[in-house]
N, C-alpha and C. Protein backbone atom coordinates (compact mmCIF):
# COMPACT_ATOMS: atom_id res chain seq x y z
N MET A 1 -33.73 19.42 -17.03
CA MET A 1 -35.09 18.96 -17.01
C MET A 1 -35.33 18.10 -18.23
N HIS A 2 -35.85 16.92 -18.03
CA HIS A 2 -36.12 15.99 -19.13
C HIS A 2 -37.61 16.00 -19.39
N ASP A 3 -37.99 16.42 -20.58
CA ASP A 3 -39.40 16.44 -20.95
C ASP A 3 -39.68 15.26 -21.87
N THR A 4 -40.83 14.67 -21.68
CA THR A 4 -41.22 13.57 -22.55
C THR A 4 -42.57 13.89 -23.14
N ALA A 5 -42.72 13.57 -24.40
CA ALA A 5 -43.98 13.86 -25.09
C ALA A 5 -45.09 12.96 -24.57
N VAL A 6 -46.23 13.57 -24.31
CA VAL A 6 -47.40 12.82 -23.87
C VAL A 6 -48.26 12.48 -25.06
N GLY A 7 -48.48 13.43 -25.90
CA GLY A 7 -49.32 13.22 -27.07
C GLY A 7 -49.37 14.49 -27.88
N GLN A 8 -49.83 14.39 -29.08
CA GLN A 8 -49.90 15.56 -29.93
C GLN A 8 -51.33 15.74 -30.39
N SER A 9 -51.73 16.98 -30.53
CA SER A 9 -53.02 17.27 -31.13
C SER A 9 -52.86 18.55 -31.92
N HIS A 10 -53.58 18.65 -33.01
CA HIS A 10 -53.41 19.82 -33.87
C HIS A 10 -54.07 21.06 -33.30
N ASN A 11 -55.20 20.93 -32.68
CA ASN A 11 -55.88 22.09 -32.13
C ASN A 11 -56.89 21.63 -31.09
N PRO A 12 -56.44 21.39 -29.87
CA PRO A 12 -57.37 20.87 -28.88
C PRO A 12 -58.39 21.93 -28.49
N GLY A 13 -59.56 21.47 -28.16
CA GLY A 13 -60.59 22.38 -27.70
C GLY A 13 -60.78 22.24 -26.21
N THR A 14 -61.61 23.09 -25.68
CA THR A 14 -61.91 23.02 -24.26
C THR A 14 -63.16 22.17 -24.08
N LEU A 15 -63.03 21.05 -23.40
CA LEU A 15 -64.18 20.18 -23.17
C LEU A 15 -64.89 20.60 -21.90
N ILE A 16 -66.18 20.79 -22.01
CA ILE A 16 -67.00 21.11 -20.85
C ILE A 16 -67.93 19.93 -20.64
N PRO A 17 -67.96 19.38 -19.41
CA PRO A 17 -68.81 18.20 -19.17
C PRO A 17 -70.25 18.44 -19.64
N GLY A 18 -70.78 17.48 -20.38
CA GLY A 18 -72.15 17.55 -20.87
C GLY A 18 -72.30 18.27 -22.19
N MET A 19 -71.25 18.94 -22.67
CA MET A 19 -71.33 19.67 -23.93
C MET A 19 -70.98 18.72 -25.07
N PRO A 20 -71.78 18.69 -26.14
CA PRO A 20 -71.46 17.83 -27.28
C PRO A 20 -70.11 18.23 -27.88
N GLU A 21 -69.35 17.22 -28.34
CA GLU A 21 -68.02 17.48 -28.88
C GLU A 21 -68.05 18.43 -30.07
N SER A 22 -69.16 18.48 -30.81
CA SER A 22 -69.26 19.36 -31.97
C SER A 22 -69.28 20.83 -31.56
N GLU A 23 -69.60 21.12 -30.31
CA GLU A 23 -69.67 22.51 -29.85
C GLU A 23 -68.44 22.92 -29.02
N VAL A 24 -67.40 22.12 -29.10
CA VAL A 24 -66.19 22.42 -28.33
C VAL A 24 -65.58 23.72 -28.83
N THR A 25 -65.24 24.61 -27.89
CA THR A 25 -64.60 25.87 -28.28
C THR A 25 -63.11 25.61 -28.48
N LYS A 26 -62.58 26.15 -29.55
CA LYS A 26 -61.17 25.93 -29.85
C LYS A 26 -60.32 26.84 -28.97
N LYS A 27 -59.26 26.25 -28.45
CA LYS A 27 -58.36 26.98 -27.57
C LYS A 27 -57.39 27.86 -28.37
N TYR A 28 -56.98 27.39 -29.59
CA TYR A 28 -56.02 28.10 -30.42
C TYR A 28 -56.56 28.17 -31.84
N PRO A 29 -56.09 29.15 -32.61
CA PRO A 29 -56.53 29.23 -34.02
C PRO A 29 -56.06 28.01 -34.82
N ASP A 30 -56.65 27.82 -36.00
CA ASP A 30 -56.34 26.67 -36.84
C ASP A 30 -54.88 26.61 -37.27
N TYR A 31 -54.21 27.75 -37.32
CA TYR A 31 -52.82 27.74 -37.77
C TYR A 31 -51.83 27.36 -36.66
N CYS A 32 -52.37 26.96 -35.50
CA CYS A 32 -51.52 26.54 -34.39
C CYS A 32 -51.57 25.03 -34.20
N ARG A 33 -50.50 24.50 -33.67
CA ARG A 33 -50.40 23.08 -33.34
C ARG A 33 -49.81 23.00 -31.94
N THR A 34 -50.32 22.08 -31.15
CA THR A 34 -49.83 21.98 -29.77
C THR A 34 -49.25 20.60 -29.51
N ILE A 35 -48.33 20.58 -28.56
CA ILE A 35 -47.76 19.32 -28.08
C ILE A 35 -47.80 19.39 -26.56
N ARG A 36 -48.29 18.33 -25.95
CA ARG A 36 -48.30 18.26 -24.48
C ARG A 36 -47.15 17.38 -24.04
N ILE A 37 -46.42 17.86 -23.03
CA ILE A 37 -45.29 17.10 -22.50
C ILE A 37 -45.34 17.07 -20.99
N HIS A 38 -44.74 16.03 -20.41
CA HIS A 38 -44.57 15.94 -18.96
C HIS A 38 -43.18 16.46 -18.63
N ASP A 39 -43.09 17.37 -17.64
CA ASP A 39 -41.76 17.78 -17.21
C ASP A 39 -41.29 16.87 -16.08
N SER A 40 -40.08 17.09 -15.61
CA SER A 40 -39.48 16.20 -14.60
C SER A 40 -40.19 16.27 -13.26
N ASN A 41 -40.98 17.31 -13.03
CA ASN A 41 -41.72 17.44 -11.77
C ASN A 41 -43.11 16.81 -11.84
N GLY A 42 -43.44 16.19 -12.95
CA GLY A 42 -44.74 15.55 -13.11
C GLY A 42 -45.81 16.47 -13.67
N GLY A 43 -45.48 17.73 -13.88
CA GLY A 43 -46.44 18.67 -14.45
C GLY A 43 -46.58 18.48 -15.95
N VAL A 44 -47.69 18.94 -16.49
CA VAL A 44 -47.92 18.84 -17.93
C VAL A 44 -47.80 20.24 -18.52
N LYS A 45 -47.02 20.36 -19.58
CA LYS A 45 -46.87 21.63 -20.28
C LYS A 45 -47.47 21.48 -21.66
N GLU A 46 -48.00 22.56 -22.16
CA GLU A 46 -48.54 22.56 -23.51
C GLU A 46 -47.73 23.55 -24.33
N LEU A 47 -47.05 23.07 -25.35
CA LEU A 47 -46.25 23.92 -26.22
C LEU A 47 -47.05 24.21 -27.48
N VAL A 48 -47.04 25.47 -27.91
CA VAL A 48 -47.81 25.89 -29.08
C VAL A 48 -46.85 26.30 -30.19
N PHE A 49 -47.03 25.72 -31.38
CA PHE A 49 -46.18 25.99 -32.53
C PHE A 49 -47.06 26.34 -33.73
N PRO A 50 -46.49 27.03 -34.72
CA PRO A 50 -47.24 27.23 -35.96
C PRO A 50 -47.47 25.87 -36.63
N ALA A 51 -48.66 25.64 -37.14
CA ALA A 51 -48.97 24.35 -37.78
C ALA A 51 -48.09 24.11 -39.00
N ALA A 52 -47.65 25.19 -39.65
CA ALA A 52 -46.82 25.06 -40.84
C ALA A 52 -45.42 24.53 -40.51
N LEU A 53 -45.02 24.65 -39.26
CA LEU A 53 -43.72 24.14 -38.85
C LEU A 53 -43.78 22.62 -38.85
N ASP A 54 -42.98 22.02 -39.69
CA ASP A 54 -43.04 20.57 -39.86
C ASP A 54 -42.21 19.90 -38.77
N LEU A 55 -42.84 19.59 -37.66
CA LEU A 55 -42.14 19.02 -36.52
C LEU A 55 -41.85 17.53 -36.69
N ASP A 56 -42.51 16.90 -37.64
CA ASP A 56 -42.35 15.46 -37.82
C ASP A 56 -41.23 15.08 -38.78
N ARG A 57 -40.72 16.06 -39.52
CA ARG A 57 -39.67 15.74 -40.50
C ARG A 57 -38.37 15.40 -39.77
N PRO A 58 -37.59 14.50 -40.34
CA PRO A 58 -36.32 14.15 -39.69
C PRO A 58 -35.33 15.31 -39.78
N LYS A 59 -34.47 15.40 -38.79
CA LYS A 59 -33.46 16.45 -38.74
C LYS A 59 -32.41 16.20 -39.82
N ARG A 60 -31.95 17.27 -40.46
CA ARG A 60 -30.94 17.15 -41.51
C ARG A 60 -29.63 16.64 -40.89
N ALA A 61 -28.96 15.78 -41.61
CA ALA A 61 -27.70 15.22 -41.12
C ALA A 61 -26.64 16.32 -41.06
N ARG A 62 -25.81 16.26 -40.06
CA ARG A 62 -24.74 17.24 -39.88
C ARG A 62 -23.65 16.99 -40.94
N THR A 63 -23.14 18.07 -41.52
CA THR A 63 -22.08 17.96 -42.52
C THR A 63 -20.78 17.58 -41.85
N THR A 64 -20.13 16.57 -42.38
CA THR A 64 -18.80 16.17 -41.90
C THR A 64 -17.79 16.57 -42.95
N PHE A 65 -16.87 17.44 -42.56
CA PHE A 65 -15.85 17.91 -43.50
C PHE A 65 -14.64 16.99 -43.45
N SER A 66 -14.06 16.76 -44.61
CA SER A 66 -12.84 15.94 -44.68
C SER A 66 -11.67 16.77 -44.16
N PRO A 67 -10.58 16.11 -43.77
CA PRO A 67 -9.39 16.86 -43.33
C PRO A 67 -8.88 17.84 -44.40
N ASP A 68 -8.94 17.44 -45.67
CA ASP A 68 -8.49 18.33 -46.75
C ASP A 68 -9.40 19.56 -46.86
N GLN A 69 -10.72 19.34 -46.74
CA GLN A 69 -11.65 20.47 -46.79
C GLN A 69 -11.40 21.41 -45.62
N LEU A 70 -11.21 20.85 -44.43
CA LEU A 70 -10.96 21.68 -43.25
C LEU A 70 -9.67 22.49 -43.41
N TYR A 71 -8.65 21.86 -43.96
CA TYR A 71 -7.38 22.55 -44.17
C TYR A 71 -7.59 23.76 -45.10
N GLU A 72 -8.31 23.53 -46.21
CA GLU A 72 -8.58 24.61 -47.17
C GLU A 72 -9.43 25.71 -46.53
N LEU A 73 -10.45 25.31 -45.80
CA LEU A 73 -11.32 26.30 -45.15
C LEU A 73 -10.54 27.12 -44.12
N GLU A 74 -9.74 26.47 -43.30
CA GLU A 74 -8.93 27.18 -42.29
C GLU A 74 -7.92 28.11 -42.96
N THR A 75 -7.29 27.64 -44.03
CA THR A 75 -6.31 28.47 -44.75
C THR A 75 -6.98 29.72 -45.29
N GLU A 76 -8.14 29.54 -45.89
CA GLU A 76 -8.87 30.69 -46.43
C GLU A 76 -9.34 31.61 -45.31
N PHE A 77 -9.74 31.05 -44.18
CA PHE A 77 -10.18 31.86 -43.04
C PHE A 77 -9.04 32.73 -42.51
N ARG A 78 -7.82 32.18 -42.47
CA ARG A 78 -6.67 32.96 -42.01
C ARG A 78 -6.39 34.13 -42.96
N ARG A 79 -6.66 33.91 -44.23
CA ARG A 79 -6.47 34.97 -45.22
C ARG A 79 -7.57 36.01 -45.15
N ASN A 80 -8.80 35.52 -45.01
CA ASN A 80 -9.96 36.42 -45.07
C ASN A 80 -11.10 35.81 -44.26
N GLN A 81 -11.52 36.49 -43.20
CA GLN A 81 -12.59 35.95 -42.35
C GLN A 81 -13.98 36.10 -42.96
N TYR A 82 -14.11 36.98 -43.93
CA TYR A 82 -15.41 37.22 -44.57
C TYR A 82 -15.32 36.87 -46.04
N LEU A 83 -15.88 35.74 -46.40
CA LEU A 83 -15.81 35.24 -47.76
C LEU A 83 -17.17 35.46 -48.43
N VAL A 84 -17.21 36.22 -49.52
CA VAL A 84 -18.48 36.51 -50.20
C VAL A 84 -18.32 36.38 -51.71
N GLY A 85 -19.47 36.33 -52.37
CA GLY A 85 -19.51 36.37 -53.83
C GLY A 85 -18.71 35.28 -54.51
N LYS A 86 -17.92 35.71 -55.50
CA LYS A 86 -17.17 34.78 -56.34
C LYS A 86 -16.17 33.95 -55.53
N GLU A 87 -15.57 34.56 -54.50
CA GLU A 87 -14.61 33.82 -53.66
C GLU A 87 -15.29 32.61 -53.01
N ARG A 88 -16.49 32.84 -52.47
CA ARG A 88 -17.22 31.75 -51.82
C ARG A 88 -17.64 30.70 -52.84
N THR A 89 -18.12 31.15 -54.00
CA THR A 89 -18.55 30.23 -55.06
C THR A 89 -17.38 29.36 -55.51
N ASP A 90 -16.23 29.99 -55.73
CA ASP A 90 -15.05 29.24 -56.19
C ASP A 90 -14.58 28.24 -55.14
N LEU A 91 -14.54 28.66 -53.89
CA LEU A 91 -14.11 27.76 -52.82
C LEU A 91 -15.07 26.58 -52.69
N ALA A 92 -16.37 26.85 -52.76
CA ALA A 92 -17.37 25.79 -52.66
C ALA A 92 -17.19 24.77 -53.79
N LYS A 93 -16.99 25.25 -55.00
CA LYS A 93 -16.78 24.34 -56.14
C LYS A 93 -15.51 23.52 -55.95
N ARG A 94 -14.44 24.19 -55.54
CA ARG A 94 -13.15 23.51 -55.37
C ARG A 94 -13.24 22.41 -54.30
N LEU A 95 -14.03 22.65 -53.25
CA LEU A 95 -14.14 21.69 -52.15
C LEU A 95 -15.32 20.73 -52.31
N LYS A 96 -16.08 20.91 -53.42
CA LYS A 96 -17.27 20.07 -53.67
C LYS A 96 -18.28 20.19 -52.52
N LEU A 97 -18.52 21.44 -52.10
CA LEU A 97 -19.51 21.75 -51.06
C LEU A 97 -20.49 22.76 -51.65
N SER A 98 -21.62 22.91 -50.99
CA SER A 98 -22.55 23.95 -51.43
C SER A 98 -22.08 25.29 -50.88
N GLU A 99 -22.52 26.38 -51.51
CA GLU A 99 -22.16 27.71 -51.01
C GLU A 99 -22.69 27.91 -49.59
N THR A 100 -23.86 27.35 -49.32
CA THR A 100 -24.45 27.47 -47.99
C THR A 100 -23.57 26.79 -46.95
N GLN A 101 -23.04 25.63 -47.27
CA GLN A 101 -22.16 24.93 -46.32
C GLN A 101 -20.91 25.77 -46.03
N VAL A 102 -20.35 26.38 -47.06
CA VAL A 102 -19.17 27.23 -46.87
C VAL A 102 -19.54 28.46 -46.05
N LYS A 103 -20.68 29.07 -46.38
CA LYS A 103 -21.12 30.26 -45.64
C LYS A 103 -21.31 29.95 -44.16
N VAL A 104 -22.01 28.86 -43.87
CA VAL A 104 -22.27 28.48 -42.47
C VAL A 104 -20.98 28.12 -41.76
N TRP A 105 -20.05 27.44 -42.45
CA TRP A 105 -18.77 27.10 -41.82
C TRP A 105 -18.04 28.39 -41.41
N PHE A 106 -18.03 29.39 -42.30
CA PHE A 106 -17.36 30.66 -41.98
C PHE A 106 -18.06 31.38 -40.83
N GLN A 107 -19.38 31.35 -40.80
CA GLN A 107 -20.11 31.98 -39.68
C GLN A 107 -19.73 31.31 -38.36
N ASN A 108 -19.75 29.98 -38.36
CA ASN A 108 -19.40 29.24 -37.14
C ASN A 108 -17.94 29.48 -36.74
N ARG A 109 -17.07 29.56 -37.73
CA ARG A 109 -15.64 29.75 -37.44
C ARG A 109 -15.38 31.14 -36.86
N ARG A 110 -16.10 32.16 -37.39
CA ARG A 110 -15.96 33.51 -36.82
C ARG A 110 -16.43 33.55 -35.38
N THR A 111 -17.52 32.84 -35.09
CA THR A 111 -18.03 32.77 -33.72
C THR A 111 -17.00 32.11 -32.81
N LYS A 112 -16.41 31.01 -33.26
CA LYS A 112 -15.39 30.32 -32.47
C LYS A 112 -14.18 31.22 -32.26
N TYR A 113 -13.78 31.95 -33.29
CA TYR A 113 -12.63 32.85 -33.20
C TYR A 113 -12.88 33.93 -32.14
N LYS A 114 -14.07 34.53 -32.16
CA LYS A 114 -14.40 35.58 -31.18
C LYS A 114 -14.44 35.00 -29.77
N ARG A 115 -15.02 33.82 -29.62
CA ARG A 115 -15.09 33.16 -28.31
C ARG A 115 -13.69 32.86 -27.78
N ASP A 116 -12.82 32.34 -28.65
CA ASP A 116 -11.45 32.03 -28.25
C ASP A 116 -10.68 33.28 -27.86
N ARG A 117 -10.87 34.36 -28.60
CA ARG A 117 -10.19 35.62 -28.26
C ARG A 117 -10.65 36.15 -26.92
N ALA A 118 -11.94 36.05 -26.64
CA ALA A 118 -12.46 36.51 -25.35
C ALA A 118 -11.88 35.67 -24.22
N LYS A 119 -11.79 34.36 -24.45
CA LYS A 119 -11.23 33.45 -23.44
C LYS A 119 -9.76 33.76 -23.20
N ASP A 120 -9.02 34.04 -24.28
CA ASP A 120 -7.60 34.38 -24.16
C ASP A 120 -7.41 35.68 -23.38
N ALA A 121 -8.25 36.68 -23.67
CA ALA A 121 -8.16 37.96 -22.96
C ALA A 121 -8.44 37.76 -21.48
N GLU A 122 -9.44 36.94 -21.18
CA GLU A 122 -9.77 36.65 -19.78
C GLU A 122 -8.60 35.95 -19.09
N SER A 123 -7.97 35.03 -19.78
CA SER A 123 -6.83 34.31 -19.24
C SER A 123 -5.66 35.25 -18.99
N ARG A 124 -5.41 36.17 -19.94
CA ARG A 124 -4.32 37.15 -19.77
C ARG A 124 -4.59 38.04 -18.56
N ASP A 125 -5.84 38.49 -18.39
CA ASP A 125 -6.18 39.32 -17.24
C ASP A 125 -5.94 38.57 -15.95
N SER A 126 -6.34 37.31 -15.93
CA SER A 126 -6.16 36.48 -14.74
C SER A 126 -4.67 36.30 -14.43
N LYS A 127 -3.87 36.07 -15.47
CA LYS A 127 -2.43 35.89 -15.27
C LYS A 127 -1.79 37.18 -14.78
N SER A 128 -2.25 38.33 -15.29
CA SER A 128 -1.71 39.62 -14.84
C SER A 128 -1.99 39.83 -13.36
N GLU A 129 -3.22 39.50 -12.94
CA GLU A 129 -3.57 39.64 -11.54
C GLU A 129 -2.73 38.70 -10.68
N SER A 130 -2.54 37.48 -11.14
CA SER A 130 -1.73 36.52 -10.39
C SER A 130 -0.29 37.00 -10.29
N PHE A 131 0.24 37.53 -11.38
CA PHE A 131 1.61 38.03 -11.41
C PHE A 131 1.77 39.18 -10.41
N ALA A 132 0.80 40.10 -10.40
CA ALA A 132 0.86 41.23 -9.47
C ALA A 132 0.81 40.74 -8.03
N ALA A 133 -0.06 39.78 -7.75
CA ALA A 133 -0.17 39.24 -6.39
C ALA A 133 1.14 38.57 -5.98
N CYS A 134 1.76 37.83 -6.89
CA CYS A 134 3.04 37.17 -6.58
C CYS A 134 4.12 38.20 -6.29
N ASN A 135 4.15 39.28 -7.06
CA ASN A 135 5.13 40.33 -6.81
C ASN A 135 4.95 40.95 -5.43
N ILE A 136 3.72 41.18 -5.04
CA ILE A 136 3.45 41.74 -3.71
C ILE A 136 3.92 40.78 -2.64
N LEU A 137 3.59 39.50 -2.81
CA LEU A 137 4.01 38.51 -1.81
C LEU A 137 5.53 38.40 -1.74
N ARG A 138 6.21 38.48 -2.91
CA ARG A 138 7.68 38.44 -2.91
C ARG A 138 8.26 39.63 -2.16
N MET A 139 7.66 40.81 -2.35
CA MET A 139 8.14 42.00 -1.64
C MET A 139 7.96 41.83 -0.14
N LEU A 140 6.82 41.29 0.26
CA LEU A 140 6.56 41.07 1.69
C LEU A 140 7.54 40.05 2.25
N GLN A 141 7.75 38.98 1.52
CA GLN A 141 8.65 37.93 1.97
C GLN A 141 10.07 38.46 2.07
N HIS A 142 10.47 39.28 1.11
CA HIS A 142 11.82 39.86 1.11
C HIS A 142 12.02 40.75 2.34
N ASP A 143 11.01 41.58 2.64
CA ASP A 143 11.10 42.47 3.80
C ASP A 143 11.23 41.68 5.10
N THR A 144 10.42 40.63 5.25
CA THR A 144 10.43 39.88 6.51
C THR A 144 11.64 38.97 6.61
N SER A 145 12.19 38.51 5.49
CA SER A 145 13.34 37.60 5.55
C SER A 145 14.60 38.34 6.00
N GLN A 146 14.61 39.65 5.86
CA GLN A 146 15.77 40.43 6.30
C GLN A 146 15.63 40.87 7.75
N GLY A 147 14.60 40.36 8.42
CA GLY A 147 14.41 40.65 9.84
C GLY A 147 13.84 42.02 10.11
N THR A 148 13.34 42.67 9.09
CA THR A 148 12.75 43.98 9.31
C THR A 148 11.24 43.87 9.26
N GLN A 149 10.59 44.84 9.85
CA GLN A 149 9.14 44.90 9.77
C GLN A 149 8.77 45.25 8.32
N PRO A 150 7.78 44.56 7.76
CA PRO A 150 7.39 44.92 6.39
C PRO A 150 6.80 46.33 6.37
N CYS A 151 7.12 47.03 5.35
CA CYS A 151 6.58 48.37 5.18
C CYS A 151 5.45 48.28 4.15
N PHE A 152 4.24 48.58 4.59
CA PHE A 152 3.08 48.40 3.72
C PHE A 152 2.64 49.69 3.04
N THR A 153 3.35 50.77 3.28
CA THR A 153 2.89 52.03 2.71
C THR A 153 2.94 52.01 1.18
N HIS A 154 3.94 51.35 0.60
CA HIS A 154 4.04 51.32 -0.86
C HIS A 154 3.08 50.33 -1.49
N ILE A 155 2.51 49.42 -0.72
CA ILE A 155 1.59 48.42 -1.27
C ILE A 155 0.27 49.05 -1.65
N ASN A 156 -0.15 50.06 -0.90
CA ASN A 156 -1.44 50.69 -1.20
C ASN A 156 -1.47 51.26 -2.61
N THR A 157 -0.34 51.63 -3.15
CA THR A 157 -0.33 52.16 -4.52
C THR A 157 -0.42 51.04 -5.55
N LEU A 158 -0.13 49.80 -5.15
CA LEU A 158 -0.18 48.68 -6.09
C LEU A 158 -1.57 48.05 -6.18
N LEU A 159 -2.34 48.15 -5.11
CA LEU A 159 -3.66 47.54 -5.09
C LEU A 159 -4.71 48.55 -5.51
N PRO A 160 -5.74 48.11 -6.19
CA PRO A 160 -6.83 49.02 -6.52
C PRO A 160 -7.48 49.52 -5.23
N PRO A 161 -8.05 50.72 -5.25
CA PRO A 161 -8.60 51.30 -4.02
C PRO A 161 -9.75 50.49 -3.42
N TYR A 162 -10.45 49.70 -4.20
CA TYR A 162 -11.58 48.92 -3.69
C TYR A 162 -11.15 47.57 -3.15
N HIS A 163 -9.88 47.23 -3.23
CA HIS A 163 -9.42 45.90 -2.88
C HIS A 163 -9.61 45.65 -1.39
N PRO A 164 -10.31 44.57 -1.00
CA PRO A 164 -10.62 44.33 0.41
C PRO A 164 -9.49 43.62 1.16
N TYR A 165 -8.25 43.83 0.76
CA TYR A 165 -7.12 43.13 1.35
C TYR A 165 -6.80 43.73 2.72
N THR A 166 -6.68 42.89 3.70
CA THR A 166 -6.30 43.37 5.03
C THR A 166 -5.11 42.58 5.51
N PHE A 167 -4.31 43.19 6.32
CA PHE A 167 -3.15 42.54 6.90
C PHE A 167 -3.47 42.27 8.35
N SER A 168 -3.83 41.04 8.66
CA SER A 168 -4.20 40.73 10.04
C SER A 168 -2.97 40.71 10.92
N GLY A 169 -3.12 41.22 12.10
CA GLY A 169 -2.04 41.18 13.08
C GLY A 169 -1.00 42.27 12.89
N TYR A 170 -1.18 43.17 11.98
CA TYR A 170 -0.21 44.23 11.78
C TYR A 170 -0.87 45.57 12.04
N SER A 171 -0.22 46.36 12.86
CA SER A 171 -0.70 47.72 13.05
C SER A 171 0.49 48.65 12.91
N PRO A 172 0.39 49.62 12.02
CA PRO A 172 1.52 50.52 11.80
C PRO A 172 1.80 51.35 13.05
N THR A 173 3.09 51.60 13.33
CA THR A 173 3.45 52.40 14.52
C THR A 173 4.07 53.70 14.13
């Protein structure tokens, strides 16, 4: 959904036809600020923010780390995922970064590490399932290639009890 700003007002009131503007009732307290936007369906939304939130200030530029800084940060991360106190201060000075930049880099790197580990575990599970399925198919293929009827009694022990696998066209005799 693409929203576009329609206009901004600090504290719009409710206008009633015929009522003088000086008697307009305020819709939100003075510490609120609103922004009206059009959504992609043509509707108008009113977003309410604290007035103290400086929405007009430019966004801070993203920190770009040099390859040398990244190498040092990654090396330190492999040694210790949680960098605090003097270690963080020393690393920040050595890399000519602020302690906050180092702290945030480590937070982001830990998040990436956890996400990657979860993805790897999911991939391993998927590969295990594929491997098991291939083994079952190989057993079936081996049984039928020797001209014998496949024996499915041992397969039930390989599949989980909830598995909806059916063998169409086969009825045990």
